[in-house]
PDB file of N, CA and C in Angstrom:
ATOM      1  N   UNK A   1       0.931  -1.167  -0.032  1.00  0.00           N
ATOM      2  CA  UNK A   1      -0.077  -0.195   0.036  1.00  0.00           C
ATOM      3  C   UNK A   1       0.901   1.372   0.068  1.00  0.00           C
ATOM      4  N   UNK A   2       0.436   2.136  -0.811  1.00  0.00           N
ATOM      5  CA  UNK A   2       1.333   3.310  -0.726  1.00  0.00           C
ATOM      6  C   UNK A   2       0.942   4.316   0.436  1.00  0.00           C
ATOM      7  N   UNK A   3       1.842   5.531   0.494  1.00  0.00           N
ATOM      8  CA  UNK A   3       1.503   6.410   1.663  1.00  0.00           C
ATOM      9  C   UNK A   3       0.351   6.590   1.864  1.00  0.00           C
ATOM     10  N   UNK A   4      -0.294   6.778   2.991  1.00  0.00           N
ATOM     11  CA  UNK A   4      -1.638   7.622   2.930  1.00  0.00           C
ATOM     12  C   UNK A   4      -1.324   8.929   3.299  1.00  0.00           C
ATOM     13  N   UNK A   5      -2.021   9.908   3.278  1.00  0.00           N
ATOM     14  CA  UNK A   5      -1.843  11.169   3.564  1.00  0.00           C
ATOM     15  C   UNK A   5      -1.595  11.548   4.974  1.00  0.00           C
ATOM     16  N   UNK A   6      -0.539  11.914   5.115  1.00  0.00           N
ATOM     17  CA  UNK A   6       0.075  12.106   6.626  1.00  0.00           C
ATOM     18  C   UNK A   6      -0.372  13.480   6.961  1.00  0.00           C
ATOM     19  N   UNK A   7      -0.994  13.737   8.099  1.00  0.00           N
ATOM     20  CA  UNK A   7      -1.231  14.942   8.446  1.00  0.00           C
ATOM     21  C   UNK A   7      -0.613  15.372   9.694  1.00  0.00           C
ATOM     22  N   UNK A   8      -0.102  16.539   9.531  1.00  0.00           N
ATOM     23  CA  UNK A   8       0.727  17.282  10.641  1.00  0.00           C
ATOM     24  C   UNK A   8      -0.239  18.005  11.454  1.00  0.00           C
ATOM     25  N   UNK A   9      -0.027  17.723  12.689  1.00  0.00           N
ATOM     26  CA  UNK A   9      -1.014  18.570  13.649  1.00  0.00           C
ATOM     27  C   UNK A   9      -0.351  19.856  13.655  1.00  0.00           C
ATOM     28  N   UNK A  10      -1.104  20.781  13.621  1.00  0.00           N
ATOM     29  CA  UNK A  10      -0.627  22.268  13.658  1.00  0.00           C
ATOM     30  C   UNK A  10      -1.462  23.216  14.688  1.00  0.00           C
ATOM     31  N   UNK A  11      -0.921  23.829  15.589  1.00  0.00           N
ATOM     32  CA  UNK A  11      -1.541  24.911  16.451  1.00  0.00           C
ATOM     33  C   UNK A  11      -1.320  26.437  16.280  1.00  0.00           C
ATOM     34  N   UNK A  12      -1.737  27.237  16.811  1.00  0.00           N
ATOM     35  CA  UNK A  12      -1.486  28.747  16.679  1.00  0.00           C
ATOM     36  C   UNK A  12      -0.853  29.269  18.087  1.00  0.00           C
ATOM     37  N   UNK A  13       0.342  29.885  17.447  1.00  0.00           N
ATOM     38  CA  UNK A  13       1.061  30.190  18.792  1.00  0.00           C
ATOM     39  C   UNK A  13       0.378  31.643  19.496  1.00  0.00           C
ATOM     40  N   UNK A  14       0.257  31.587  20.667  1.00  0.00           N
ATOM     41  CA  UNK A  14      -0.554  32.293  21.392  1.00  0.00           C
ATOM     42  C   UNK A  14       0.206  33.841  21.325  1.00  0.00           C
ATOM     43  N   UNK A  15       1.552  33.991  20.847  1.00  0.00           N
ATOM     44  CA  UNK A  15       2.227  35.297  20.869  1.00  0.00           C
ATOM     45  C   UNK A  15       2.242  35.764  19.442  1.00  0.00           C
ATOM     46  N   UNK A  16       2.681  34.970  18.638  1.00  0.00           N
ATOM     47  CA  UNK A  16       2.745  35.731  17.176  1.00  0.00           C
ATOM     48  C   UNK A  16       1.672  35.165  16.202  1.00  0.00           C
ATOM     49  N   UNK A  17       0.748  34.354  16.803  1.00  0.00           N
ATOM     50  CA  UNK A  17      -0.646  33.875  16.127  1.00  0.00           C
ATOM     51  C   UNK A  17      -0.435  33.192  14.759  1.00  0.00           C
ATOM     52  N   UNK A  18       0.747  32.741  14.679  1.00  0.00           N
ATOM     53  CA  UNK A  18       1.083  31.669  13.276  1.00  0.00           C
ATOM     54  C   UNK A  18       0.762  30.364  13.571  1.00  0.00           C
ATOM     55  N   UNK A  19       0.355  29.813  12.541  1.00  0.00           N
ATOM     56  CA  UNK A  19      -0.148  28.289  12.536  1.00  0.00           C
ATOM     57  C   UNK A  19       1.407  27.627  12.466  1.00  0.00           C
ATOM     58  N   UNK A  20       1.507  26.538  13.319  1.00  0.00           N
ATOM     59  CA  UNK A  20       3.075  26.153  13.360  1.00  0.00           C
ATOM     60  C   UNK A  20       2.714  24.527  13.519  1.00  0.00           C
ATOM     61  N   UNK A  21       3.628  23.532  13.313  1.00  0.00           N
ATOM     62  CA  UNK A  21       3.570  22.090  13.825  1.00  0.00           C
ATOM     63  C   UNK A  21       3.826  22.225  15.267  1.00  0.00           C
ATOM     64  N   UNK A  22       3.051  21.108  16.066  1.00  0.00           N
ATOM     65  CA  UNK A  22       2.888  21.069  17.365  1.00  0.00           C
ATOM     66  C   UNK A  22       4.537  20.777  17.822  1.00  0.00           C
ATOM     67  N   UNK A  23       5.063  19.853  17.004  1.00  0.00           N
ATOM     68  CA  UNK A  23       6.540  19.303  17.428  1.00  0.00           C
ATOM     69  C   UNK A  23       7.477  20.575  17.449  1.00  0.00           C
ATOM     70  N   UNK A  24       7.273  21.577  17.063  1.00  0.00           N
ATOM     71  CA  UNK A  24       8.024  22.810  17.224  1.00  0.00           C
ATOM     72  C   UNK A  24       7.505  23.876  18.258  1.00  0.00           C
ATOM     73  N   UNK A  25       6.561  23.479  19.115  1.00  0.00           N
ATOM     74  CA  UNK A  25       5.832  24.541  20.139  1.00  0.00           C
ATOM     75  C   UNK A  25       6.144  23.787  21.298  1.00  0.00           C
ATOM     76  N   UNK A  26       5.867  24.762  22.412  1.00  0.00           N
ATOM     77  CA  UNK A  26       5.865  24.235  23.767  1.00  0.00           C
ATOM     78  C   UNK A  26       4.425  24.419  24.517  1.00  0.00           C
ATOM     79  N   UNK A  27       3.892  23.384  24.978  1.00  0.00           N
ATOM     80  CA  UNK A  27       2.601  23.539  25.493  1.00  0.00           C
ATOM     81  C   UNK A  27       2.419  24.061  27.192  1.00  0.00           C
ATOM     82  N   UNK A  28       1.726  25.083  27.387  1.00  0.00           N
ATOM     83  CA  UNK A  28       1.636  25.402  28.874  1.00  0.00           C
ATOM     84  C   UNK A  28       0.333  25.124  29.175  1.00  0.00           C
ATOM     85  N   UNK A  29       0.009  24.229  30.307  1.00  0.00           N
ATOM     86  CA  UNK A  29      -1.214  23.966  30.814  1.00  0.00           C
ATOM     87  C   UNK A  29      -1.718  24.554  32.020  1.00  0.00           C
ATOM     88  N   UNK A  30      -2.865  24.533  32.137  1.00  0.00           N
ATOM     89  CA  UNK A  30      -3.527  24.994  33.299  1.00  0.00           C
ATOM     90  C   UNK A  30      -4.296  23.971  33.815  1.00  0.00           C
ATOM     91  N   UNK A  31      -4.034  23.339  35.213  1.00  0.00           N
ATOM     92  CA  UNK A  31      -4.759  22.354  35.661  1.00  0.00           C
ATOM     93  C   UNK A  31      -4.949  22.640  37.116  1.00  0.00           C
ATOM     94  N   UNK A  32      -6.386  22.850  37.600  1.00  0.00           N
ATOM     95  CA  UNK A  32      -6.630  23.145  38.862  1.00  0.00           C
ATOM     96  C   UNK A  32      -5.957  24.363  39.304  1.00  0.00           C
ATOM     97  N   UNK A  33      -5.819  25.419  38.704  1.00  0.00           N
ATOM     98  CA  UNK A  33      -5.343  26.802  39.100  1.00  0.00           C
ATOM     99  C   UNK A  33      -3.762  26.673  39.310  1.00  0.00           C
ATOM    100  N   UNK A  34      -3.185  25.720  38.576  1.00  0.00           N
ATOM    101  CA  UNK A  34      -1.762  25.627  38.757  1.00  0.00           C
ATOM    102  C   UNK A  34      -1.349  25.648  37.125  1.00  0.00           C
ATOM    103  N   UNK A  35       0.055  26.137  36.787  1.00  0.00           N
ATOM    104  CA  UNK A  35       0.427  26.253  35.406  1.00  0.00           C
ATOM    105  C   UNK A  35       1.442  25.360  35.296  1.00  0.00           C
ATOM    106  N   UNK A  36       1.492  24.367  34.327  1.00  0.00           N
ATOM    107  CA  UNK A  36       2.429  23.546  34.080  1.00  0.00           C
ATOM    108  C   UNK A  36       2.871  23.599  32.604  1.00  0.00           C
ATOM    109  N   UNK A  37       4.206  23.411  32.356  1.00  0.00           N
ATOM    110  CA  UNK A  37       4.732  23.010  31.053  1.00  0.00           C
ATOM    111  C   UNK A  37       4.676  21.597  30.429  1.00  0.00           C
ATOM    112  N   UNK A  38       4.015  21.314  29.597  1.00  0.00           N
ATOM    113  CA  UNK A  38       3.932  20.084  28.987  1.00  0.00           C
ATOM    114  C   UNK A  38       5.217  19.383  28.745  1.00  0.00           C
ATOM    115  N   UNK A  39       5.435  18.204  29.197  1.00  0.00           N
ATOM    116  CA  UNK A  39       6.635  17.422  28.567  1.00  0.00           C
ATOM    117  C   UNK A  39       6.316  16.224  27.854  1.00  0.00           C
ATOM    118  N   UNK A  40       6.950  15.286  27.873  1.00  0.00           N
ATOM    119  CA  UNK A  40       6.480  14.282  27.203  1.00  0.00           C
ATOM    120  C   UNK A  40       5.182  13.591  27.160  1.00  0.00           C
ATOM    121  N   UNK A  41       4.525  13.298  28.386  1.00  0.00           N
ATOM    122  CA  UNK A  41       3.342  12.973  28.461  1.00  0.00           C
ATOM    123  C   UNK A  41       2.282  14.064  28.211  1.00  0.00           C
ATOM    124  N   UNK A  42       0.942  13.418  27.847  1.00  0.00           N
ATOM    125  CA  UNK A  42      -0.233  14.664  27.501  1.00  0.00           C
ATOM    126  C   UNK A  42      -0.754  14.923  28.660  1.00  0.00           C
ATOM    127  N   UNK A  43      -0.949  16.225  29.210  1.00  0.00           N
ATOM    128  CA  UNK A  43      -1.590  16.593  30.451  1.00  0.00           C
ATOM    129  C   UNK A  43      -3.045  17.222  29.710  1.00  0.00           C
ATOM    130  N   UNK A  44      -4.000  17.042  30.633  1.00  0.00           N
ATOM    131  CA  UNK A  44      -5.380  17.372  30.548  1.00  0.00           C
ATOM    132  C   UNK A  44      -5.475  18.925  31.120  1.00  0.00           C
ATOM    133  N   UNK A  45      -6.153  19.593  30.549  1.00  0.00           N
ATOM    134  CA  UNK A  45      -6.467  20.842  31.060  1.00  0.00           C
ATOM    135  C   UNK A  45      -6.639  21.863  29.826  1.00  0.00           C
ATOM    136  N   UNK A  46      -6.739  23.204  30.213  1.00  0.00           N
ATOM    137  CA  UNK A  46      -6.770  24.324  29.197  1.00  0.00           C
ATOM    138  C   UNK A  46      -5.292  24.505  28.770  1.00  0.00           C
ATOM    139  N   UNK A  47      -4.995  24.589  27.603  1.00  0.00           N
ATOM    140  CA  UNK A  47      -3.376  24.664  27.200  1.00  0.00           C
ATOM    141  C   UNK A  47      -3.253  25.970  26.149  1.00  0.00           C
ATOM    142  N   UNK A  48      -2.202  26.191  26.006  1.00  0.00           N
ATOM    143  CA  UNK A  48      -1.671  27.567  25.193  1.00  0.00           C
ATOM    144  C   UNK A  48      -0.216  26.955  24.625  1.00  0.00           C
ATOM    145  N   UNK A  49      -0.074  27.237  23.297  1.00  0.00           N
ATOM    146  CA  UNK A  49       1.054  26.913  22.628  1.00  0.00           C
ATOM    147  C   UNK A  49       1.984  28.227  22.500  1.00  0.00           C
ATOM    148  N   UNK A  50       3.368  28.078  22.606  1.00  0.00           N
ATOM    149  CA  UNK A  50       4.257  28.992  22.398  1.00  0.00           C
ATOM    150  C   UNK A  50       5.335  28.658  21.368  1.00  0.00           C
ATOM    151  N   UNK A  51       5.695  29.059  20.295  1.00  0.00           N
ATOM    152  CA  UNK A  51       6.370  28.546  19.278  1.00  0.00           C
ATOM    153  C   UNK A  51       7.917  28.799  19.837  1.00  0.00           C
ATOM    154  N   UNK A  52       8.838  28.274  19.170  1.00  0.00           N
ATOM    155  CA  UNK A  52      10.402  28.239  19.499  1.00  0.00           C
ATOM    156  C   UNK A  52      10.792  29.687  19.172  1.00  0.00           C
ATOM    157  N   UNK A  53      10.188  30.370  18.424  1.00  0.00           N
ATOM    158  CA  UNK A  53      10.519  31.726  18.070  1.00  0.00           C
ATOM    159  C   UNK A  53      10.198  32.833  18.997  1.00  0.00           C
ATOM    160  N   UNK A  54       9.210  32.604  19.553  1.00  0.00           N
ATOM    161  CA  UNK A  54       8.570  33.472  20.650  1.00  0.00           C
ATOM    162  C   UNK A  54       8.911  33.288  21.997  1.00  0.00           C
ATOM    163  N   UNK A  55       9.652  31.962  22.293  1.00  0.00           N
ATOM    164  CA  UNK A  55      10.080  31.709  23.871  1.00  0.00           C
ATOM    165  C   UNK A  55      10.617  32.826  24.447  1.00  0.00           C
ATOM    166  N   UNK A  56      11.589  33.384  23.932  1.00  0.00           N
ATOM    167  CA  UNK A  56      12.262  34.546  24.818  1.00  0.00           C
ATOM    168  C   UNK A  56      11.874  35.758  24.538  1.00  0.00           C
ATOM    169  N   UNK A  57      10.634  36.014  23.814  1.00  0.00           N
ATOM    170  CA  UNK A  57      10.242  37.400  23.487  1.00  0.00           C
ATOM    171  C   UNK A  57       9.693  38.083  24.863  1.00  0.00           C
ATOM    172  N   UNK A  58       9.633  39.249  24.627  1.00  0.00           N
ATOM    173  CA  UNK A  58       8.895  40.139  25.819  1.00  0.00           C
ATOM    174  C   UNK A  58       7.585  40.122  26.260  1.00  0.00           C
ATOM    175  N   UNK A  59       6.749  39.475  25.406  1.00  0.00           N
ATOM    176  CA  UNK A  59       5.293  39.536  25.352  1.00  0.00           C
ATOM    177  C   UNK A  59       4.726  38.227  25.598  1.00  0.00           C
ATOM    178  N   UNK A  60       5.697  37.151  26.059  1.00  0.00           N
ATOM    179  CA  UNK A  60       5.104  35.801  26.212  1.00  0.00           C
ATOM    180  C   UNK A  60       4.067  35.738  27.531  1.00  0.00           C
ATOM    181  N   UNK A  61       4.459  36.338  28.618  1.00  0.00           N
ATOM    182  CA  UNK A  61       3.623  36.277  29.818  1.00  0.00           C
ATOM    183  C   UNK A  61       2.426  37.063  29.582  1.00  0.00           C
ATOM    184  N   UNK A  62       2.353  38.079  28.945  1.00  0.00           N
ATOM    185  CA  UNK A  62       1.026  38.860  28.478  1.00  0.00           C
ATOM    186  C   UNK A  62       0.233  37.907  27.713  1.00  0.00           C
ATOM    187  N   UNK A  63       0.688  37.428  26.700  1.00  0.00           N
ATOM    188  CA  UNK A  63      -0.153  36.719  25.964  1.00  0.00           C
ATOM    189  C   UNK A  63      -0.820  35.549  26.500  1.00  0.00           C
ATOM    190  N   UNK A  64       0.031  34.658  27.361  1.00  0.00           N
ATOM    191  CA  UNK A  64      -0.149  33.507  27.921  1.00  0.00           C
ATOM    192  C   UNK A  64      -1.523  33.887  28.975  1.00  0.00           C
ATOM    193  N   UNK A  65      -1.379  35.211  29.707  1.00  0.00           N
ATOM    194  CA  UNK A  65      -2.148  35.879  30.657  1.00  0.00           C
ATOM    195  C   UNK A  65      -3.473  35.798  29.862  1.00  0.00           C
ATOM    196  N   UNK A  66      -3.448  36.329  28.653  1.00  0.00           N
ATOM    197  CA  UNK A  66      -4.599  36.528  27.621  1.00  0.00           C
ATOM    198  C   UNK A  66      -5.497  35.169  27.383  1.00  0.00           C
ATOM    199  N   UNK A  67      -4.480  34.423  27.094  1.00  0.00           N
ATOM    200  CA  UNK A  67      -4.913  33.113  26.536  1.00  0.00           C
ATOM    201  C   UNK A  67      -5.989  32.421  27.634  1.00  0.00           C
ATOM    202  N   UNK A  68      -5.328  32.364  28.782  1.00  0.00           N
ATOM    203  CA  UNK A  68      -5.983  31.693  30.164  1.00  0.00           C
ATOM    204  C   UNK A  68      -6.913  32.610  30.926  1.00  0.00           C
ATOM    205  N   UNK A  69      -6.975  33.839  30.387  1.00  0.00           N
ATOM    206  CA  UNK A  69      -7.836  35.003  31.039  1.00  0.00           C
ATOM    207  C   UNK A  69      -7.690  35.030  32.749  1.00  0.00           C
ATOM    208  N   UNK A  70      -6.370  34.913  32.934  1.00  0.00           N
ATOM    209  CA  UNK A  70      -5.956  35.019  34.221  1.00  0.00           C
ATOM    210  C   UNK A  70      -4.457  35.383  34.349  1.00  0.00           C
ATOM    211  N   UNK A  71      -4.034  36.017  35.273  1.00  0.00           N
ATOM    212  CA  UNK A  71      -2.512  36.124  35.797  1.00  0.00           C
ATOM    213  C   UNK A  71      -1.691  34.825  35.852  1.00  0.00           C
ATOM    214  N   UNK A  72      -0.485  34.860  34.735  1.00  0.00           N
ATOM    215  CA  UNK A  72       0.022  33.759  34.737  1.00  0.00           C
ATOM    216  C   UNK A  72       1.488  34.145  35.679  1.00  0.00           C
ATOM    217  N   UNK A  73       1.910  33.258  36.587  1.00  0.00           N
ATOM    218  CA  UNK A  73       3.189  33.599  37.196  1.00  0.00           C
ATOM    219  C   UNK A  73       4.460  33.558  36.419  1.00  0.00           C
ATOM    220  N   UNK A  74       5.320  34.417  36.914  1.00  0.00           N
ATOM    221  CA  UNK A  74       6.493  34.755  36.055  1.00  0.00           C
ATOM    222  C   UNK A  74       7.419  33.373  36.162  1.00  0.00           C
ATOM    223  N   UNK A  75       7.203  32.498  36.996  1.00  0.00           N
ATOM    224  CA  UNK A  75       8.296  31.284  36.968  1.00  0.00           C
ATOM    225  C   UNK A  75       7.814  30.248  35.742  1.00  0.00           C
ATOM    226  N   UNK A  76       6.560  30.527  35.328  1.00  0.00           N
ATOM    227  CA  UNK A  76       6.479  29.640  34.120  1.00  0.00           C
ATOM    228  C   UNK A  76       7.376  30.003  32.997  1.00  0.00           C
ATOM    229  N   UNK A  77       7.839  31.309  32.840  1.00  0.00           N
ATOM    230  CA  UNK A  77       8.727  31.809  31.721  1.00  0.00           C
ATOM    231  C   UNK A  77      10.191  30.841  31.926  1.00  0.00           C
ATOM    232  N   UNK A  78      10.701  30.636  33.011  1.00  0.00           N
ATOM    233  CA  UNK A  78      11.624  29.927  33.220  1.00  0.00           C
ATOM    234  C   UNK A  78      11.600  28.344  33.008  1.00  0.00           C
ATOM    235  N   UNK A  79      10.513  27.723  33.140  1.00  0.00           N
ATOM    236  CA  UNK A  79      10.016  26.475  32.838  1.00  0.00           C
ATOM    237  C   UNK A  79      10.072  26.249  31.396  1.00  0.00           C
ATOM    238  N   UNK A  80       9.494  27.243  30.422  1.00  0.00           N
ATOM    239  CA  UNK A  80       9.438  27.392  29.059  1.00  0.00           C
ATOM    240  C   UNK A  80      10.442  27.315  28.622  1.00  0.00           C
ATOM    241  N   UNK A  81      11.633  27.963  29.169  1.00  0.00           N
ATOM    242  CA  UNK A  81      12.959  28.301  28.562  1.00  0.00           C
ATOM    243  C   UNK A  81      13.679  26.965  28.910  1.00  0.00           C
ATOM    244  N   UNK A  82      13.501  26.238  29.856  1.00  0.00           N
ATOM    245  CA  UNK A  82      14.181  25.120  29.980  1.00  0.00           C
ATOM    246  C   UNK A  82      13.631  24.047  29.258  1.00  0.00           C
ATOM    247  N   UNK A  83      12.456  23.933  28.958  1.00  0.00           N
ATOM    248  CA  UNK A  83      11.816  23.090  28.141  1.00  0.00           C
ATOM    249  C   UNK A  83      12.263  23.142  26.827  1.00  0.00           C
ATOM    250  N   UNK A  84      12.321  24.232  26.341  1.00  0.00           N
ATOM    251  CA  UNK A  84      12.653  24.605  25.136  1.00  0.00           C
ATOM    252  C   UNK A  84      13.917  24.090  24.829  1.00  0.00           C
ATOM    253  N   UNK A  85      14.800  24.372  25.668  1.00  0.00           N
ATOM    254  CA  UNK A  85      16.363  24.058  25.732  1.00  0.00           C
ATOM    255  C   UNK A  85      16.534  22.618  25.371  1.00  0.00           C
ATOM    256  N   UNK A  86      15.822  21.717  25.785  1.00  0.00           N
ATOM    257  CA  UNK A  86      15.886  20.260  25.707  1.00  0.00           C
ATOM    258  C   UNK A  86      15.826  19.641  24.389  1.00  0.00           C
TER     259      UNK A  86
END
């Protein structure tokens, strides 16, 4: 059998608003009023994606707060940069 249509899953970055493949993005999840950076396992909860180009940008915290409709703690920026470095 020949190649089936392979579909690449894409999401919109909450900072630059561009559609990009999920593999190039970091997902921040809100679970029970805690904010976590998704690693290898899939986490349930409200999520927002940040692309690799926007991780170090100045508007990340503001855009995440807009996506979650609540204030996001500054500690999440350090977790995002650590997750993106891996």
